[in-house]
Amino acid sequence: MSKTSYPLKLPTSVKEAAQRLAREDGVSLNQWISVAVAQKIGAVETAADFLGRRAGAARPADLLPFLDAAKREPPAAADTLDRAPRRRNR
């Protein structure tokens, strides 16, 4: 396997969390980040492949009949963009 280096700048909080998780997994930070990136690549490529197969030969214009049949209602108050987004509590 060929390897290459890439200087990575992370926010301190992200690096500290990654270090903690790497330590809990018993691996180096470098190995933990490499696996995390590989997992993300797999998820994105799998999703793109799935959605591509699911869409098949559909084109955006194929959705027009469904959009034309949709009710013409204003968005619910919670769906408007004219207010500041709420912060989620964790």
N, C-alpha and C. Protein backbone atom coordinates (compact mmCIF):
# COMPACT_ATOMS: atom_id res chain seq x y z
N MET A 1 0.86 -1.17 0.00
CA MET A 1 0.00 0.00 0.00
C MET A 1 0.90 1.23 0.00
N SER A 2 0.67 2.14 -0.93
CA SER A 2 1.46 3.35 -0.93
C SER A 2 0.85 4.34 0.04
N LYS A 3 1.70 5.15 0.64
CA LYS A 3 1.23 6.10 1.63
C LYS A 3 1.70 7.48 1.25
N THR A 4 0.93 8.46 1.66
CA THR A 4 1.32 9.85 1.46
C THR A 4 0.98 10.62 2.72
N SER A 5 1.66 11.71 2.94
CA SER A 5 1.37 12.50 4.13
C SER A 5 0.56 13.72 3.73
N TYR A 6 -0.22 14.21 4.67
CA TYR A 6 -1.04 15.38 4.46
C TYR A 6 -1.10 16.14 5.77
N PRO A 7 -0.64 17.39 5.76
CA PRO A 7 -0.71 18.16 7.01
C PRO A 7 -2.17 18.49 7.31
N LEU A 8 -2.62 18.11 8.46
CA LEU A 8 -4.03 18.27 8.82
C LEU A 8 -4.15 19.22 10.01
N LYS A 9 -4.92 20.26 9.82
CA LYS A 9 -5.18 21.20 10.92
C LYS A 9 -6.59 20.97 11.42
N LEU A 10 -6.71 20.65 12.70
CA LEU A 10 -8.00 20.39 13.32
C LEU A 10 -8.26 21.39 14.43
N PRO A 11 -9.52 21.73 14.65
CA PRO A 11 -9.82 22.51 15.85
C PRO A 11 -9.36 21.72 17.08
N THR A 12 -8.92 22.42 18.09
CA THR A 12 -8.39 21.76 19.29
C THR A 12 -9.38 20.76 19.86
N SER A 13 -10.65 21.13 19.93
CA SER A 13 -11.65 20.24 20.52
C SER A 13 -11.80 18.95 19.70
N VAL A 14 -11.72 19.05 18.38
CA VAL A 14 -11.83 17.87 17.53
C VAL A 14 -10.61 16.97 17.71
N LYS A 15 -9.43 17.58 17.75
CA LYS A 15 -8.21 16.79 17.93
C LYS A 15 -8.22 16.09 19.29
N GLU A 16 -8.64 16.79 20.33
CA GLU A 16 -8.67 16.18 21.66
C GLU A 16 -9.65 15.01 21.71
N ALA A 17 -10.81 15.18 21.07
CA ALA A 17 -11.79 14.08 21.04
C ALA A 17 -11.24 12.90 20.25
N ALA A 18 -10.59 13.17 19.12
CA ALA A 18 -10.01 12.10 18.31
C ALA A 18 -8.90 11.39 19.09
N GLN A 19 -8.08 12.15 19.79
CA GLN A 19 -7.01 11.53 20.60
C GLN A 19 -7.60 10.63 21.68
N ARG A 20 -8.65 11.11 22.32
CA ARG A 20 -9.29 10.31 23.37
C ARG A 20 -9.85 9.01 22.79
N LEU A 21 -10.54 9.12 21.66
CA LEU A 21 -11.13 7.93 21.05
C LEU A 21 -10.06 6.96 20.54
N ALA A 22 -8.98 7.51 19.99
CA ALA A 22 -7.88 6.65 19.53
C ALA A 22 -7.26 5.91 20.71
N ARG A 23 -7.07 6.63 21.81
CA ARG A 23 -6.51 6.01 23.00
C ARG A 23 -7.44 4.90 23.51
N GLU A 24 -8.76 5.16 23.51
CA GLU A 24 -9.72 4.14 23.94
C GLU A 24 -9.69 2.92 23.02
N ASP A 25 -9.44 3.14 21.72
CA ASP A 25 -9.35 2.04 20.76
C ASP A 25 -7.99 1.37 20.77
N GLY A 26 -7.02 1.98 21.45
CA GLY A 26 -5.68 1.39 21.52
C GLY A 26 -4.89 1.54 20.24
N VAL A 27 -5.15 2.62 19.48
CA VAL A 27 -4.43 2.86 18.23
C VAL A 27 -3.85 4.27 18.26
N SER A 28 -2.96 4.53 17.31
CA SER A 28 -2.39 5.87 17.22
C SER A 28 -3.44 6.84 16.66
N LEU A 29 -3.22 8.11 16.91
CA LEU A 29 -4.12 9.13 16.37
C LEU A 29 -4.11 9.06 14.85
N ASN A 30 -2.94 8.87 14.26
CA ASN A 30 -2.84 8.78 12.81
C ASN A 30 -3.67 7.62 12.26
N GLN A 31 -3.56 6.47 12.89
CA GLN A 31 -4.33 5.31 12.44
C GLN A 31 -5.81 5.56 12.63
N TRP A 32 -6.20 6.15 13.74
CA TRP A 32 -7.61 6.40 14.01
C TRP A 32 -8.21 7.35 12.97
N ILE A 33 -7.47 8.42 12.64
CA ILE A 33 -7.95 9.38 11.63
C ILE A 33 -8.01 8.71 10.26
N SER A 34 -7.02 7.89 9.92
CA SER A 34 -7.03 7.18 8.64
C SER A 34 -8.26 6.30 8.51
N VAL A 35 -8.59 5.56 9.55
CA VAL A 35 -9.76 4.69 9.52
C VAL A 35 -11.04 5.52 9.44
N ALA A 36 -11.09 6.63 10.18
CA ALA A 36 -12.28 7.49 10.14
C ALA A 36 -12.51 8.05 8.74
N VAL A 37 -11.44 8.48 8.09
CA VAL A 37 -11.57 9.01 6.72
C VAL A 37 -12.01 7.89 5.78
N ALA A 38 -11.43 6.71 5.92
CA ALA A 38 -11.81 5.58 5.06
C ALA A 38 -13.28 5.21 5.26
N GLN A 39 -13.75 5.24 6.50
CA GLN A 39 -15.16 4.94 6.77
C GLN A 39 -16.07 5.98 6.12
N LYS A 40 -15.69 7.24 6.21
CA LYS A 40 -16.50 8.31 5.60
C LYS A 40 -16.53 8.15 4.09
N ILE A 41 -15.40 7.84 3.48
CA ILE A 41 -15.35 7.63 2.03
C ILE A 41 -16.29 6.48 1.65
N GLY A 42 -16.23 5.39 2.40
CA GLY A 42 -17.10 4.25 2.13
C GLY A 42 -18.57 4.62 2.25
N ALA A 43 -18.93 5.38 3.27
CA ALA A 43 -20.33 5.77 3.46
C ALA A 43 -20.81 6.67 2.33
N VAL A 44 -20.00 7.64 1.95
CA VAL A 44 -20.39 8.57 0.88
C VAL A 44 -20.50 7.84 -0.45
N GLU A 45 -19.51 7.01 -0.76
CA GLU A 45 -19.56 6.30 -2.04
C GLU A 45 -20.68 5.27 -2.07
N THR A 46 -20.96 4.63 -0.95
CA THR A 46 -22.07 3.68 -0.89
C THR A 46 -23.39 4.41 -1.08
N ALA A 47 -23.56 5.54 -0.42
CA ALA A 47 -24.80 6.32 -0.56
C ALA A 47 -24.97 6.80 -1.99
N ALA A 48 -23.90 7.29 -2.60
CA ALA A 48 -23.99 7.77 -3.98
C ALA A 48 -24.36 6.63 -4.92
N ASP A 49 -23.76 5.46 -4.70
CA ASP A 49 -24.07 4.30 -5.53
C ASP A 49 -25.52 3.87 -5.34
N PHE A 50 -25.97 3.81 -4.09
CA PHE A 50 -27.34 3.42 -3.80
C PHE A 50 -28.33 4.39 -4.43
N LEU A 51 -28.09 5.67 -4.23
CA LEU A 51 -29.02 6.67 -4.78
C LEU A 51 -29.01 6.66 -6.30
N GLY A 52 -27.85 6.42 -6.89
CA GLY A 52 -27.77 6.33 -8.34
C GLY A 52 -28.58 5.16 -8.87
N ARG A 53 -28.46 4.00 -8.20
CA ARG A 53 -29.25 2.83 -8.62
C ARG A 53 -30.73 3.07 -8.39
N ARG A 54 -31.05 3.69 -7.26
CA ARG A 54 -32.46 3.94 -6.91
C ARG A 54 -33.09 4.90 -7.92
N ALA A 55 -32.35 5.90 -8.34
CA ALA A 55 -32.89 6.87 -9.30
C ALA A 55 -33.01 6.24 -10.68
N GLY A 56 -32.16 5.28 -10.99
CA GLY A 56 -32.20 4.63 -12.29
C GLY A 56 -32.04 5.65 -13.41
N ALA A 57 -32.93 5.58 -14.36
CA ALA A 57 -32.86 6.49 -15.50
C ALA A 57 -33.72 7.74 -15.29
N ALA A 58 -34.20 7.94 -14.07
CA ALA A 58 -35.06 9.11 -13.79
C ALA A 58 -34.30 10.40 -14.03
N ARG A 59 -35.04 11.38 -14.48
CA ARG A 59 -34.47 12.71 -14.71
C ARG A 59 -35.25 13.70 -13.86
N PRO A 60 -34.69 14.86 -13.56
CA PRO A 60 -35.43 15.85 -12.77
C PRO A 60 -36.80 16.18 -13.36
N ALA A 61 -36.90 16.22 -14.67
CA ALA A 61 -38.19 16.54 -15.30
C ALA A 61 -39.25 15.48 -15.00
N ASP A 62 -38.82 14.25 -14.67
CA ASP A 62 -39.78 13.19 -14.35
C ASP A 62 -40.56 13.50 -13.07
N LEU A 63 -40.05 14.40 -12.24
CA LEU A 63 -40.72 14.74 -10.99
C LEU A 63 -41.79 15.81 -11.16
N LEU A 64 -41.82 16.48 -12.29
CA LEU A 64 -42.76 17.58 -12.49
C LEU A 64 -44.21 17.18 -12.28
N PRO A 65 -44.68 16.03 -12.76
CA PRO A 65 -46.08 15.67 -12.50
C PRO A 65 -46.39 15.58 -11.00
N PHE A 66 -45.44 15.09 -10.21
CA PHE A 66 -45.66 15.00 -8.76
C PHE A 66 -45.68 16.38 -8.14
N LEU A 67 -44.79 17.24 -8.58
CA LEU A 67 -44.77 18.60 -8.05
C LEU A 67 -46.02 19.36 -8.45
N ASP A 68 -46.50 19.14 -9.67
CA ASP A 68 -47.71 19.82 -10.12
C ASP A 68 -48.93 19.37 -9.32
N ALA A 69 -48.92 18.13 -8.85
CA ALA A 69 -50.05 17.60 -8.09
C ALA A 69 -49.99 17.97 -6.61
N ALA A 70 -48.88 18.50 -6.18
CA ALA A 70 -48.72 18.84 -4.76
C ALA A 70 -49.60 20.02 -4.40
N LYS A 71 -50.05 20.04 -3.15
CA LYS A 71 -50.89 21.14 -2.68
C LYS A 71 -50.08 22.43 -2.68
N ARG A 72 -50.78 23.51 -2.93
CA ARG A 72 -50.14 24.82 -2.90
C ARG A 72 -50.43 25.46 -1.55
N GLU A 73 -49.62 25.15 -0.57
CA GLU A 73 -49.80 25.69 0.77
C GLU A 73 -48.53 26.41 1.19
N PRO A 74 -48.68 27.46 1.98
CA PRO A 74 -47.47 28.11 2.49
C PRO A 74 -46.77 27.15 3.47
N PRO A 75 -45.47 27.31 3.64
CA PRO A 75 -44.77 26.42 4.57
C PRO A 75 -45.24 26.64 6.00
N ALA A 76 -45.13 25.62 6.80
CA ALA A 76 -45.44 25.73 8.22
C ALA A 76 -44.49 26.73 8.85
N ALA A 77 -44.91 27.36 9.91
CA ALA A 77 -44.09 28.39 10.57
C ALA A 77 -42.70 27.86 10.92
N ALA A 78 -42.62 26.60 11.32
CA ALA A 78 -41.34 26.01 11.70
C ALA A 78 -40.43 25.79 10.50
N ASP A 79 -40.99 25.84 9.28
CA ASP A 79 -40.21 25.59 8.07
C ASP A 79 -39.78 26.85 7.35
N THR A 80 -40.05 28.00 7.90
CA THR A 80 -39.67 29.24 7.23
C THR A 80 -38.24 29.62 7.58
N LEU A 81 -37.65 30.43 6.73
CA LEU A 81 -36.26 30.84 6.92
C LEU A 81 -36.15 32.24 7.51
N ASP A 82 -37.26 32.84 7.90
CA ASP A 82 -37.22 34.22 8.35
C ASP A 82 -36.94 34.35 9.85
N ARG A 83 -36.50 33.29 10.48
CA ARG A 83 -36.14 33.39 11.89
C ARG A 83 -34.81 32.67 12.10
N ALA A 84 -34.17 33.03 13.16
CA ALA A 84 -32.85 32.44 13.44
C ALA A 84 -33.03 30.95 13.75
N PRO A 85 -32.13 30.12 13.25
CA PRO A 85 -32.25 28.68 13.54
C PRO A 85 -32.05 28.42 15.03
N ARG A 86 -32.78 27.45 15.53
CA ARG A 86 -32.65 27.08 16.93
C ARG A 86 -31.43 26.20 17.12
N ARG A 87 -30.74 26.39 18.21
CA ARG A 87 -29.61 25.52 18.53
C ARG A 87 -30.14 24.27 19.19
N ARG A 88 -29.59 23.14 18.79
CA ARG A 88 -29.99 21.88 19.40
C ARG A 88 -29.21 21.64 20.68
N ASN A 89 -29.91 21.18 21.68
CA ASN A 89 -29.25 20.80 22.95
C ASN A 89 -28.80 19.37 22.83
N ARG A 90 -27.63 19.10 23.35
CA ARG A 90 -27.13 17.73 23.30
C ARG A 90 -27.12 17.13 24.65
